Amino acid sequence: MAQQAVAQERLCALRQDIARIEGRPAERLEQADADVTVLRRSGMATRSEDLIVTGVEAFDGVLGGGVPKGALSEIHGKQTRDAGAAAGFALALCALAMKREAPRSLLWVGTAEIFHEAGLPYAGGLEQAFGLSPDRLLFAAPPKPADALWIAEDATRLGALAAIIVELRGNSDRLDLTATRRLHHRAAVAGRPIFLLRQAAFCEPTAAPLRLVVSPAPATKRETLDGPLEGTIGNPVFSVSPDKNRTARQGQFLLEWNRHDIAFQQHQTAHPRRLVSLSRNGADLAPAPGAVVALDKAAQYAAAGGEPARKQHAAHLGARRTG
């Protein structure tokens, strides 16, 4: 009995050490049952209710089931022109997280430089595209990145918030391992996500277990009863590449956002014809790439590299201008 008690005490101490290193509350490690998926690479236990599931199986599988809910996640836009796509993807994840929550608000913290460079979010558009009511949106524009990090860290104590977005531009010296570890720890304790939106920044070491690089992709066409309508813009599409995640798996995915269902769906790229012809000896040959049109003999001769007929260029009879 004494040996068992000593072993149990050592196990509890080890759990507390692991929790302190990972920035997670120790009591969560003791809640182990059948519905826990253990990721041995990172030593973290994740429940299905602790994930934001996008609904695209291939993407969720690469992330180990989905985007972690009670954690800090990075969303990168490599260039300033990608800021809109990165912000839209972060808002889509927030909309998914807020679907399961009681009516709570979203806090968006960004320095004044961010909103000056990329513009202020349009509340009416956010409601139409992501189902986020304007009365559930809170914005803060502090002058310095250090103030933005402090606001986000302190806001995790507010139970009225469902998610927090922290948008920073470039690679600030304030955003080091210590700062991101504090944000990740606060998100884990609160059980709510913090999305670190990086605008025009290169990847650097942080405590966030997930980093996604997002860029815009061609939008779909508006659907009608007769099919896609040419010349229109339908659902937005995001090109997403996991740069860092718990499973260490990578890939590039095209995720289409359905604003009517408030959900992601797999984007299907349609090819109107075969890109590579079949074998000449095959039974089914590829069709002709396009319609064949008749050309006059002069145009055919010119296309073959010959001189055009003289009657087409009567100006050749005049004097050649040399100066």
C-alpha atoms as a PDB file:
ATOM      1  CA  MET A   1       0.000   0.000   0.000  1.00  0.00           C
ATOM      2  CA  ALA A   2       2.846   2.365   0.843  1.00  0.00           C
ATOM      3  CA  GLN A   3       4.551   1.725  -2.483  1.00  0.00           C
ATOM      4  CA  GLN A   4       1.287   2.328  -4.331  1.00  0.00           C
ATOM      5  CA  ALA A   5       0.761   5.627  -2.508  1.00  0.00           C
ATOM      6  CA  VAL A   6       4.299   6.749  -3.342  1.00  0.00           C
ATOM      7  CA  ALA A   7       3.813   5.804  -7.004  1.00  0.00           C
ATOM      8  CA  GLN A   8       0.521   7.712  -7.107  1.00  0.00           C
ATOM      9  CA  GLU A   9       2.172  10.776  -5.580  1.00  0.00           C
ATOM     10  CA  ARG A  10       5.006  10.657  -8.126  1.00  0.00           C
ATOM     11  CA  LEU A  11       2.462  10.304 -10.951  1.00  0.00           C
ATOM     12  CA  CYS A  12       0.544  13.375  -9.757  1.00  0.00           C
ATOM     13  CA  ALA A  13       3.769  15.374  -9.481  1.00  0.00           C
ATOM     14  CA  LEU A  14       4.767  14.322 -12.991  1.00  0.00           C
ATOM     15  CA  ARG A  15       1.362  15.372 -14.331  1.00  0.00           C
ATOM     16  CA  GLN A  16       1.737  18.772 -12.709  1.00  0.00           C
ATOM     17  CA  ASP A  17       5.212  19.214 -14.224  1.00  0.00           C
ATOM     18  CA  ILE A  18       3.913  18.314 -17.684  1.00  0.00           C
ATOM     19  CA  ALA A  19       0.979  20.685 -17.288  1.00  0.00           C
ATOM     20  CA  ARG A  20       3.275  23.511 -16.200  1.00  0.00           C
ATOM     21  CA  ILE A  21       5.610  22.971 -19.181  1.00  0.00           C
ATOM     22  CA  GLU A  22       2.727  22.804 -21.696  1.00  0.00           C
ATOM     23  CA  GLY A  23       0.885  25.719 -20.126  1.00  0.00           C
ATOM     24  CA  ARG A  24      -2.220  23.631 -19.403  1.00  0.00           C
ATOM     25  CA  PRO A  25      -4.176  23.238 -16.154  1.00  0.00           C
ATOM     26  CA  ALA A  26      -3.143  20.074 -14.325  1.00  0.00           C
ATOM     27  CA  GLU A  27      -6.699  19.008 -13.527  1.00  0.00           C
ATOM     28  CA  ARG A  28      -7.431  18.437 -17.203  1.00  0.00           C
ATOM     29  CA  LEU A  29      -4.796  15.721 -17.443  1.00  0.00           C
ATOM     30  CA  GLU A  30      -6.576  13.680 -14.796  1.00  0.00           C
ATOM     31  CA  GLN A  31      -9.829  13.574 -16.788  1.00  0.00           C
ATOM     32  CA  ALA A  32      -8.896  10.594 -18.934  1.00  0.00           C
ATOM     33  CA  ASP A  33     -11.605   8.362 -20.297  1.00  0.00           C
ATOM     34  CA  ALA A  34     -12.570   6.534 -23.501  1.00  0.00           C
ATOM     35  CA  ASP A  35     -13.390   9.551 -25.659  1.00  0.00           C
ATOM     36  CA  VAL A  36      -9.933  11.138 -25.332  1.00  0.00           C
ATOM     37  CA  THR A  37      -7.647  11.065 -28.356  1.00  0.00           C
ATOM     38  CA  VAL A  38      -4.026  11.079 -27.196  1.00  0.00           C
ATOM     39  CA  LEU A  39      -1.483  12.601 -29.566  1.00  0.00           C
ATOM     40  CA  ARG A  40       1.769  10.982 -28.501  1.00  0.00           C
ATOM     41  CA  ARG A  41       3.963  13.366 -30.434  1.00  0.00           C
ATOM     42  CA  SER A  42       2.983  16.347 -28.332  1.00  0.00           C
ATOM     43  CA  GLY A  43       1.772  14.554 -25.226  1.00  0.00           C
ATOM     44  CA  MET A  44      -1.555  16.420 -25.308  1.00  0.00           C
ATOM     45  CA  ALA A  45      -4.986  14.893 -24.762  1.00  0.00           C
ATOM     46  CA  THR A  46      -7.805  16.359 -26.831  1.00  0.00           C
ATOM     47  CA  ARG A  47     -11.547  15.767 -26.610  1.00  0.00           C
ATOM     48  CA  SER A  48     -13.911  16.252 -29.514  1.00  0.00           C
ATOM     49  CA  GLU A  49     -15.652  19.111 -27.706  1.00  0.00           C
ATOM     50  CA  ASP A  50     -12.273  20.853 -27.363  1.00  0.00           C
ATOM     51  CA  LEU A  51     -11.904  21.122 -31.149  1.00  0.00           C
ATOM     52  CA  ILE A  52     -13.344  23.418 -33.800  1.00  0.00           C
ATOM     53  CA  VAL A  53     -14.284  20.974 -36.525  1.00  0.00           C
ATOM     54  CA  THR A  54     -14.347  22.546 -39.987  1.00  0.00           C
ATOM     55  CA  GLY A  55     -16.281  19.696 -41.596  1.00  0.00           C
ATOM     56  CA  VAL A  56     -13.670  19.058 -44.314  1.00  0.00           C
ATOM     57  CA  GLU A  57     -12.439  15.586 -43.363  1.00  0.00           C
ATOM     58  CA  ALA A  58      -9.059  15.770 -45.094  1.00  0.00           C
ATOM     59  CA  PHE A  59      -8.198  19.089 -43.466  1.00  0.00           C
ATOM     60  CA  ASP A  60      -9.464  18.074 -40.021  1.00  0.00           C
ATOM     61  CA  GLY A  61      -7.532  14.814 -40.280  1.00  0.00           C
ATOM     62  CA  VAL A  62      -4.251  16.614 -40.906  1.00  0.00           C
ATOM     63  CA  LEU A  63      -4.889  18.778 -37.821  1.00  0.00           C
ATOM     64  CA  GLY A  64      -5.664  15.778 -35.636  1.00  0.00           C
ATOM     65  CA  GLY A  65      -9.436  16.279 -35.617  1.00  0.00           C
ATOM     66  CA  GLY A  66      -9.773  20.043 -35.969  1.00  0.00           C
ATOM     67  CA  VAL A  67      -8.518  23.392 -34.741  1.00  0.00           C
ATOM     68  CA  PRO A  68      -7.848  23.338 -30.972  1.00  0.00           C
ATOM     69  CA  LYS A  69     -10.447  25.364 -29.124  1.00  0.00           C
ATOM     70  CA  GLY A  70      -8.758  26.179 -25.821  1.00  0.00           C
ATOM     71  CA  ALA A  71      -5.442  27.203 -27.336  1.00  0.00           C
ATOM     72  CA  LEU A  72      -3.523  29.892 -29.175  1.00  0.00           C
ATOM     73  CA  SER A  73      -3.549  29.425 -32.964  1.00  0.00           C
ATOM     74  CA  GLU A  74      -1.584  31.441 -35.504  1.00  0.00           C
ATOM     75  CA  ILE A  75      -3.064  32.482 -38.847  1.00  0.00           C
ATOM     76  CA  HIS A  76      -0.488  33.962 -41.208  1.00  0.00           C
ATOM     77  CA  GLY A  77      -0.892  36.146 -44.260  1.00  0.00           C
ATOM     78  CA  LYS A  78       2.507  36.312 -45.926  1.00  0.00           C
ATOM     79  CA  GLN A  79       1.804  39.609 -47.679  1.00  0.00           C
ATOM     80  CA  THR A  80      -0.287  42.657 -46.865  1.00  0.00           C
ATOM     81  CA  ARG A  81      -2.639  41.871 -49.736  1.00  0.00           C
ATOM     82  CA  ASP A  82      -3.439  38.550 -48.018  1.00  0.00           C
ATOM     83  CA  ALA A  83      -4.749  40.341 -44.909  1.00  0.00           C
ATOM     84  CA  GLY A  84      -8.370  40.129 -46.049  1.00  0.00           C
ATOM     85  CA  ALA A  85      -8.205  36.377 -46.683  1.00  0.00           C
ATOM     86  CA  ALA A  86      -6.435  35.692 -43.381  1.00  0.00           C
ATOM     87  CA  ALA A  87      -8.966  37.787 -41.459  1.00  0.00           C
ATOM     88  CA  GLY A  88     -11.867  36.102 -43.264  1.00  0.00           C
ATOM     89  CA  PHE A  89     -10.570  32.646 -42.380  1.00  0.00           C
ATOM     90  CA  ALA A  90     -10.119  33.641 -38.735  1.00  0.00           C
ATOM     91  CA  LEU A  91     -13.664  35.026 -38.647  1.00  0.00           C
ATOM     92  CA  ALA A  92     -14.989  31.795 -40.155  1.00  0.00           C
ATOM     93  CA  LEU A  93     -13.328  29.798 -37.351  1.00  0.00           C
ATOM     94  CA  CYS A  94     -14.805  32.203 -34.808  1.00  0.00           C
ATOM     95  CA  ALA A  95     -18.248  31.745 -36.349  1.00  0.00           C
ATOM     96  CA  LEU A  96     -17.896  27.961 -36.024  1.00  0.00           C
ATOM     97  CA  ALA A  97     -16.792  28.300 -32.391  1.00  0.00           C
ATOM     98  CA  MET A  98     -19.674  30.641 -31.572  1.00  0.00           C
ATOM     99  CA  LYS A  99     -22.308  28.307 -33.054  1.00  0.00           C
ATOM    100  CA  ARG A 100     -21.998  25.972 -30.075  1.00  0.00           C
ATOM    101  CA  GLU A 101     -21.760  28.702 -27.469  1.00  0.00           C
ATOM    102  CA  ALA A 102     -24.461  30.652 -25.711  1.00  0.00           C
ATOM    103  CA  PRO A 103     -24.801  34.204 -27.048  1.00  0.00           C
ATOM    104  CA  ARG A 104     -21.311  35.559 -26.460  1.00  0.00           C
ATOM    105  CA  SER A 105     -19.208  38.236 -28.075  1.00  0.00           C
ATOM    106  CA  LEU A 106     -16.078  38.323 -30.216  1.00  0.00           C
ATOM    107  CA  LEU A 107     -13.199  40.629 -29.293  1.00  0.00           C
ATOM    108  CA  TRP A 108     -10.947  41.834 -32.121  1.00  0.00           C
ATOM    109  CA  VAL A 109      -7.757  43.548 -30.929  1.00  0.00           C
ATOM    110  CA  GLY A 110      -5.460  45.218 -33.424  1.00  0.00           C
ATOM    111  CA  THR A 111      -3.025  48.100 -33.360  1.00  0.00           C
ATOM    112  CA  ALA A 112      -3.958  51.361 -35.032  1.00  0.00           C
ATOM    113  CA  GLU A 113      -1.381  50.570 -37.715  1.00  0.00           C
ATOM    114  CA  ILE A 114      -3.292  47.406 -38.623  1.00  0.00           C
ATOM    115  CA  PHE A 115      -6.602  49.129 -39.217  1.00  0.00           C
ATOM    116  CA  HIS A 116      -4.881  51.988 -41.047  1.00  0.00           C
ATOM    117  CA  GLU A 117      -3.167  49.543 -43.425  1.00  0.00           C
ATOM    118  CA  ALA A 118      -5.905  46.955 -44.006  1.00  0.00           C
ATOM    119  CA  GLY A 119      -9.033  48.940 -43.111  1.00  0.00           C
ATOM    120  CA  LEU A 120     -11.657  48.591 -40.423  1.00  0.00           C
ATOM    121  CA  PRO A 121     -13.965  45.552 -40.458  1.00  0.00           C
ATOM    122  CA  TYR A 122     -17.424  46.250 -41.882  1.00  0.00           C
ATOM    123  CA  ALA A 123     -20.031  45.087 -39.393  1.00  0.00           C
ATOM    124  CA  GLY A 124     -22.771  44.652 -41.985  1.00  0.00           C
ATOM    125  CA  GLY A 125     -20.589  42.450 -44.148  1.00  0.00           C
ATOM    126  CA  LEU A 126     -19.503  40.333 -41.180  1.00  0.00           C
ATOM    127  CA  GLU A 127     -23.128  39.624 -40.327  1.00  0.00           C
ATOM    128  CA  GLN A 128     -23.993  38.663 -43.892  1.00  0.00           C
ATOM    129  CA  ALA A 129     -20.915  36.536 -44.530  1.00  0.00           C
ATOM    130  CA  PHE A 130     -20.313  34.962 -41.118  1.00  0.00           C
ATOM    131  CA  GLY A 131     -23.544  35.411 -39.179  1.00  0.00           C
ATOM    132  CA  LEU A 132     -21.832  37.649 -36.597  1.00  0.00           C
ATOM    133  CA  SER A 133     -24.281  40.216 -35.284  1.00  0.00           C
ATOM    134  CA  PRO A 134     -22.826  43.739 -34.850  1.00  0.00           C
ATOM    135  CA  ASP A 135     -23.920  43.840 -31.218  1.00  0.00           C
ATOM    136  CA  ARG A 136     -21.676  40.826 -30.543  1.00  0.00           C
ATOM    137  CA  LEU A 137     -18.524  42.448 -31.955  1.00  0.00           C
ATOM    138  CA  LEU A 138     -16.025  44.367 -29.841  1.00  0.00           C
ATOM    139  CA  PHE A 139     -13.009  46.195 -31.275  1.00  0.00           C
ATOM    140  CA  ALA A 140      -9.926  47.596 -29.587  1.00  0.00           C
ATOM    141  CA  ALA A 141      -7.203  49.609 -31.343  1.00  0.00           C
ATOM    142  CA  PRO A 142      -4.316  50.253 -28.924  1.00  0.00           C
ATOM    143  CA  PRO A 143      -1.294  52.176 -30.202  1.00  0.00           C
ATOM    144  CA  LYS A 144       1.373  49.536 -29.449  1.00  0.00           C
ATOM    145  CA  PRO A 145       1.662  45.733 -29.876  1.00  0.00           C
ATOM    146  CA  ALA A 146       2.469  45.373 -26.163  1.00  0.00           C
ATOM    147  CA  ASP A 147      -0.871  46.981 -25.300  1.00  0.00           C
ATOM    148  CA  ALA A 148      -2.709  44.682 -27.722  1.00  0.00           C
ATOM    149  CA  LEU A 149      -1.172  41.597 -26.112  1.00  0.00           C
ATOM    150  CA  TRP A 150      -2.043  42.875 -22.634  1.00  0.00           C
ATOM    151  CA  ILE A 151      -5.689  43.501 -23.623  1.00  0.00           C
ATOM    152  CA  ALA A 152      -6.006  40.036 -25.157  1.00  0.00           C
ATOM    153  CA  GLU A 153      -4.429  38.341 -22.156  1.00  0.00           C
ATOM    154  CA  ASP A 154      -6.621  40.162 -19.660  1.00  0.00           C
ATOM    155  CA  ALA A 155      -9.769  39.637 -21.761  1.00  0.00           C
ATOM    156  CA  THR A 156      -9.572  35.855 -21.360  1.00  0.00           C
ATOM    157  CA  ARG A 157     -10.999  36.311 -17.874  1.00  0.00           C
ATOM    158  CA  LEU A 158     -14.270  37.634 -19.302  1.00  0.00           C
ATOM    159  CA  GLY A 159     -16.881  34.904 -19.524  1.00  0.00           C
ATOM    160  CA  ALA A 160     -18.922  36.944 -22.019  1.00  0.00           C
ATOM    161  CA  LEU A 161     -16.362  36.362 -24.792  1.00  0.00           C
ATOM    162  CA  ALA A 162     -16.506  33.351 -27.121  1.00  0.00           C
ATOM    163  CA  ALA A 163     -13.225  34.034 -28.963  1.00  0.00           C
ATOM    164  CA  ILE A 164     -10.448  36.604 -29.267  1.00  0.00           C
ATOM    165  CA  ILE A 165      -8.582  37.779 -32.367  1.00  0.00           C
ATOM    166  CA  VAL A 166      -5.238  39.529 -31.934  1.00  0.00           C
ATOM    167  CA  GLU A 167      -4.004  41.093 -35.181  1.00  0.00           C
ATOM    168  CA  LEU A 168      -0.408  42.282 -35.449  1.00  0.00           C
ATOM    169  CA  ARG A 169       1.656  43.438 -38.381  1.00  0.00           C
ATOM    170  CA  GLY A 170       5.163  42.233 -39.120  1.00  0.00           C
ATOM    171  CA  ASN A 171       7.439  40.567 -36.583  1.00  0.00           C
ATOM    172  CA  SER A 172       7.305  42.516 -33.351  1.00  0.00           C
ATOM    173  CA  ASP A 173       9.990  41.965 -30.730  1.00  0.00           C
ATOM    174  CA  ARG A 174       7.173  41.921 -28.164  1.00  0.00           C
ATOM    175  CA  LEU A 175       5.775  38.735 -29.667  1.00  0.00           C
ATOM    176  CA  ASP A 176       8.289  36.269 -28.250  1.00  0.00           C
ATOM    177  CA  LEU A 177       7.994  32.828 -26.682  1.00  0.00           C
ATOM    178  CA  THR A 178       7.117  34.284 -23.290  1.00  0.00           C
ATOM    179  CA  ALA A 179       4.263  36.418 -24.602  1.00  0.00           C
ATOM    180  CA  THR A 180       2.775  33.635 -26.735  1.00  0.00           C
ATOM    181  CA  ARG A 181       3.158  31.121 -23.895  1.00  0.00           C
ATOM    182  CA  ARG A 182       1.135  33.408 -21.633  1.00  0.00           C
ATOM    183  CA  LEU A 183      -1.602  33.752 -24.279  1.00  0.00           C
ATOM    184  CA  HIS A 184      -1.700  30.009 -24.869  1.00  0.00           C
ATOM    185  CA  HIS A 185      -1.924  29.318 -21.142  1.00  0.00           C
ATOM    186  CA  ARG A 186      -4.765  31.829 -20.670  1.00  0.00           C
ATOM    187  CA  ALA A 187      -6.663  30.320 -23.628  1.00  0.00           C
ATOM    188  CA  ALA A 188      -6.271  26.813 -22.183  1.00  0.00           C
ATOM    189  CA  VAL A 189      -7.511  27.879 -18.753  1.00  0.00           C
ATOM    190  CA  ALA A 190     -10.497  29.729 -20.244  1.00  0.00           C
ATOM    191  CA  GLY A 191     -11.262  26.961 -22.724  1.00  0.00           C
ATOM    192  CA  ARG A 192     -11.735  29.503 -25.524  1.00  0.00           C
ATOM    193  CA  PRO A 193      -9.642  30.132 -28.645  1.00  0.00           C
ATOM    194  CA  ILE A 194      -7.256  33.004 -29.241  1.00  0.00           C
ATOM    195  CA  PHE A 195      -6.394  33.545 -32.896  1.00  0.00           C
ATOM    196  CA  LEU A 196      -3.119  35.370 -33.482  1.00  0.00           C
ATOM    197  CA  LEU A 197      -3.617  37.020 -36.859  1.00  0.00           C
ATOM    198  CA  ARG A 198      -0.224  37.833 -38.380  1.00  0.00           C
ATOM    199  CA  GLN A 199      -0.172  40.330 -41.243  1.00  0.00           C
ATOM    200  CA  ALA A 200       2.867  40.400 -43.560  1.00  0.00           C
ATOM    201  CA  ALA A 201       5.015  38.394 -41.151  1.00  0.00           C
ATOM    202  CA  PHE A 202       7.418  35.498 -41.523  1.00  0.00           C
ATOM    203  CA  CYS A 203       7.116  32.409 -39.344  1.00  0.00           C
ATOM    204  CA  GLU A 204       9.084  32.399 -36.098  1.00  0.00           C
ATOM    205  CA  PRO A 205       9.111  30.206 -32.963  1.00  0.00           C
ATOM    206  CA  THR A 206       6.039  30.697 -30.762  1.00  0.00           C
ATOM    207  CA  ALA A 207       4.158  28.660 -28.172  1.00  0.00           C
ATOM    208  CA  ALA A 208       1.119  28.234 -30.441  1.00  0.00           C
ATOM    209  CA  PRO A 209       0.562  24.523 -31.255  1.00  0.00           C
ATOM    210  CA  LEU A 210      -1.012  25.393 -34.627  1.00  0.00           C
ATOM    211  CA  ARG A 211       0.117  27.725 -37.392  1.00  0.00           C
ATOM    212  CA  LEU A 212      -1.848  28.097 -40.634  1.00  0.00           C
ATOM    213  CA  VAL A 213      -0.716  30.063 -43.686  1.00  0.00           C
ATOM    214  CA  VAL A 214      -3.724  31.493 -45.519  1.00  0.00           C
ATOM    215  CA  SER A 215      -3.945  33.157 -48.927  1.00  0.00           C
ATOM    216  CA  PRO A 216      -6.883  33.981 -51.220  1.00  0.00           C
ATOM    217  CA  ALA A 217      -8.072  31.578 -53.904  1.00  0.00           C
ATOM    218  CA  PRO A 218     -10.459  32.162 -56.845  1.00  0.00           C
ATOM    219  CA  ALA A 219     -14.027  32.372 -55.565  1.00  0.00           C
ATOM    220  CA  THR A 220     -16.759  30.129 -56.873  1.00  0.00           C
ATOM    221  CA  LYS A 221     -19.509  31.308 -59.239  1.00  0.00           C
ATOM    222  CA  ARG A 222     -22.985  32.035 -57.964  1.00  0.00           C
ATOM    223  CA  GLU A 223     -25.185  28.970 -58.201  1.00  0.00           C
ATOM    224  CA  THR A 224     -28.549  29.116 -59.989  1.00  0.00           C
ATOM    225  CA  LEU A 225     -31.145  26.534 -60.992  1.00  0.00           C
ATOM    226  CA  ASP A 226     -29.443  26.296 -64.388  1.00  0.00           C
ATOM    227  CA  GLY A 227     -25.962  25.929 -62.908  1.00  0.00           C
ATOM    228  CA  PRO A 228     -23.112  28.367 -62.131  1.00  0.00           C
ATOM    229  CA  LEU A 229     -23.764  31.871 -63.437  1.00  0.00           C
ATOM    230  CA  GLU A 230     -20.871  33.260 -65.468  1.00  0.00           C
ATOM    231  CA  GLY A 231     -19.392  36.576 -64.415  1.00  0.00           C
ATOM    232  CA  THR A 232     -20.606  36.357 -60.807  1.00  0.00           C
ATOM    233  CA  ILE A 233     -18.906  35.808 -57.441  1.00  0.00           C
ATOM    234  CA  GLY A 234     -20.230  33.145 -55.092  1.00  0.00           C
ATOM    235  CA  ASN A 235     -18.697  31.603 -51.986  1.00  0.00           C
ATOM    236  CA  PRO A 236     -15.183  32.707 -50.964  1.00  0.00           C
ATOM    237  CA  VAL A 237     -12.389  30.140 -51.125  1.00  0.00           C
ATOM    238  CA  PHE A 238      -9.291  30.063 -48.903  1.00  0.00           C
ATOM    239  CA  SER A 239      -5.992  28.387 -49.667  1.00  0.00           C
ATOM    240  CA  VAL A 240      -4.788  26.999 -46.323  1.00  0.00           C
ATOM    241  CA  SER A 241      -1.459  25.295 -45.581  1.00  0.00           C
ATOM    242  CA  PRO A 242      -0.627  23.970 -42.090  1.00  0.00           C
ATOM    243  CA  ASP A 243       2.907  25.148 -41.339  1.00  0.00           C
ATOM    244  CA  LYS A 244       2.929  23.804 -37.778  1.00  0.00           C
ATOM    245  CA  ASN A 245       0.540  21.408 -36.061  1.00  0.00           C
ATOM    246  CA  ARG A 246       0.460  18.656 -33.469  1.00  0.00           C
ATOM    247  CA  THR A 247       0.497  15.800 -35.997  1.00  0.00           C
ATOM    248  CA  ALA A 248       3.414  17.264 -38.010  1.00  0.00           C
ATOM    249  CA  ARG A 249       1.459  16.566 -41.205  1.00  0.00           C
ATOM    250  CA  GLN A 250       1.384  19.122 -43.997  1.00  0.00           C
ATOM    251  CA  GLY A 251      -0.581  19.830 -47.159  1.00  0.00           C
ATOM    252  CA  GLN A 252      -2.430  22.506 -49.050  1.00  0.00           C
ATOM    253  CA  PHE A 253      -6.217  22.710 -48.977  1.00  0.00           C
ATOM    254  CA  LEU A 254      -8.854  24.787 -50.733  1.00  0.00           C
ATOM    255  CA  LEU A 255     -11.648  25.449 -48.242  1.00  0.00           C
ATOM    256  CA  GLU A 256     -14.878  26.993 -49.460  1.00  0.00           C
ATOM    257  CA  TRP A 257     -16.953  28.968 -46.962  1.00  0.00           C
ATOM    258  CA  ASN A 258     -20.717  28.498 -47.195  1.00  0.00           C
ATOM    259  CA  ARG A 259     -22.165  31.628 -45.642  1.00  0.00           C
ATOM    260  CA  HIS A 260     -25.713  30.237 -45.703  1.00  0.00           C
ATOM    261  CA  ASP A 261     -24.871  27.124 -43.659  1.00  0.00           C
ATOM    262  CA  ILE A 262     -22.068  28.813 -41.649  1.00  0.00           C
ATOM    263  CA  ALA A 263     -19.753  25.926 -42.509  1.00  0.00           C
ATOM    264  CA  PHE A 264     -16.757  24.984 -44.599  1.00  0.00           C
ATOM    265  CA  GLN A 265     -16.955  22.598 -47.505  1.00  0.00           C
ATOM    266  CA  GLN A 266     -14.419  20.979 -49.797  1.00  0.00           C
ATOM    267  CA  HIS A 267     -13.809  23.142 -52.847  1.00  0.00           C
ATOM    268  CA  GLN A 268     -14.087  21.186 -56.092  1.00  0.00           C
ATOM    269  CA  THR A 269     -11.949  22.384 -58.989  1.00  0.00           C
ATOM    270  CA  ALA A 270     -13.689  21.709 -62.280  1.00  0.00           C
ATOM    271  CA  HIS A 271     -11.721  21.026 -65.454  1.00  0.00           C
ATOM    272  CA  PRO A 272     -13.770  21.495 -68.649  1.00  0.00           C
ATOM    273  CA  ARG A 273     -11.543  19.156 -70.622  1.00  0.00           C
ATOM    274  CA  ARG A 274      -8.689  16.724 -70.201  1.00  0.00           C
ATOM    275  CA  LEU A 275      -5.352  18.355 -69.514  1.00  0.00           C
ATOM    276  CA  VAL A 276      -3.371  15.444 -71.008  1.00  0.00           C
ATOM    277  CA  SER A 277      -4.474  13.483 -74.077  1.00  0.00           C
ATOM    278  CA  LEU A 278      -4.828   9.726 -73.911  1.00  0.00           C
ATOM    279  CA  SER A 279      -2.455   7.360 -75.653  1.00  0.00           C
ATOM    280  CA  ARG A 280      -2.685   7.373 -79.441  1.00  0.00           C
ATOM    281  CA  ASN A 281      -3.325   3.626 -79.364  1.00  0.00           C
ATOM    282  CA  GLY A 282      -6.003   3.861 -76.695  1.00  0.00           C
ATOM    283  CA  ALA A 283      -9.611   2.946 -77.254  1.00  0.00           C
ATOM    284  CA  ASP A 284     -10.989   6.330 -76.175  1.00  0.00           C
ATOM    285  CA  LEU A 285      -9.107   9.309 -77.512  1.00  0.00           C
ATOM    286  CA  ALA A 286      -9.408  12.762 -76.016  1.00  0.00           C
ATOM    287  CA  PRO A 287     -11.785  15.065 -77.894  1.00  0.00           C
ATOM    288  CA  ALA A 288     -10.497  17.987 -79.910  1.00  0.00           C
ATOM    289  CA  PRO A 289      -9.585  20.957 -77.654  1.00  0.00           C
ATOM    290  CA  GLY A 290     -11.927  23.323 -79.523  1.00  0.00           C
ATOM    291  CA  ALA A 291     -13.964  24.008 -82.613  1.00  0.00           C
ATOM    292  CA  VAL A 292     -12.212  24.017 -85.998  1.00  0.00           C
ATOM    293  CA  VAL A 293     -12.747  27.166 -88.074  1.00  0.00           C
ATOM    294  CA  ALA A 294     -11.942  27.759 -91.740  1.00  0.00           C
ATOM    295  CA  LEU A 295      -9.123  30.171 -92.678  1.00  0.00           C
ATOM    296  CA  ASP A 296      -8.367  31.727 -96.041  1.00  0.00           C
ATOM    297  CA  LYS A 297      -5.264  30.618 -97.874  1.00  0.00           C
ATOM    298  CA  ALA A 298      -3.396  33.875 -97.255  1.00  0.00           C
ATOM    299  CA  ALA A 299      -3.839  33.558 -93.478  1.00  0.00           C
ATOM    300  CA  GLN A 300      -2.780  29.898 -93.567  1.00  0.00           C
ATOM    301  CA  TYR A 301       0.319  30.813 -95.617  1.00  0.00           C
ATOM    302  CA  ALA A 302       1.240  33.581 -93.181  1.00  0.00           C
ATOM    303  CA  ALA A 303       0.724  31.276 -90.186  1.00  0.00           C
ATOM    304  CA  ALA A 304       3.112  28.785 -91.782  1.00  0.00           C
ATOM    305  CA  GLY A 305       5.862  31.418 -91.927  1.00  0.00           C
ATOM    306  CA  GLY A 306       5.503  32.594 -95.511  1.00  0.00           C
ATOM    307  CA  GLU A 307       5.225  36.115 -96.897  1.00  0.00           C
ATOM    308  CA  PRO A 308       1.731  37.585 -97.198  1.00  0.00           C
ATOM    309  CA  ALA A 309       0.219  38.207-100.617  1.00  0.00           C
ATOM    310  CA  ARG A 310       1.199  41.528-102.247  1.00  0.00           C
ATOM    311  CA  LYS A 311      -2.387  42.597-102.740  1.00  0.00           C
ATOM    312  CA  GLN A 312      -2.850  42.644 -98.945  1.00  0.00           C
ATOM    313  CA  HIS A 313      -0.133  45.277 -98.471  1.00  0.00           C
ATOM    314  CA  ALA A 314      -0.368  47.832-101.287  1.00  0.00           C
ATOM    315  CA  ALA A 315       1.814  50.192 -99.279  1.00  0.00           C
ATOM    316  CA  HIS A 316       4.911  48.224-100.269  1.00  0.00           C
ATOM    317  CA  LEU A 317       4.914  50.071-103.603  1.00  0.00           C
ATOM    318  CA  GLY A 318       5.877  53.349-101.879  1.00  0.00           C
ATOM    319  CA  ALA A 319       9.357  54.467-100.838  1.00  0.00           C
ATOM    320  CA  ARG A 320      10.831  52.891 -97.653  1.00  0.00           C
ATOM    321  CA  ARG A 321      11.344  55.402 -94.892  1.00  0.00           C
ATOM    322  CA  THR A 322      14.781  55.001 -93.336  1.00  0.00           C
ATOM    323  CA  GLY A 323      14.962  57.888 -90.928  1.00  0.00           C
END
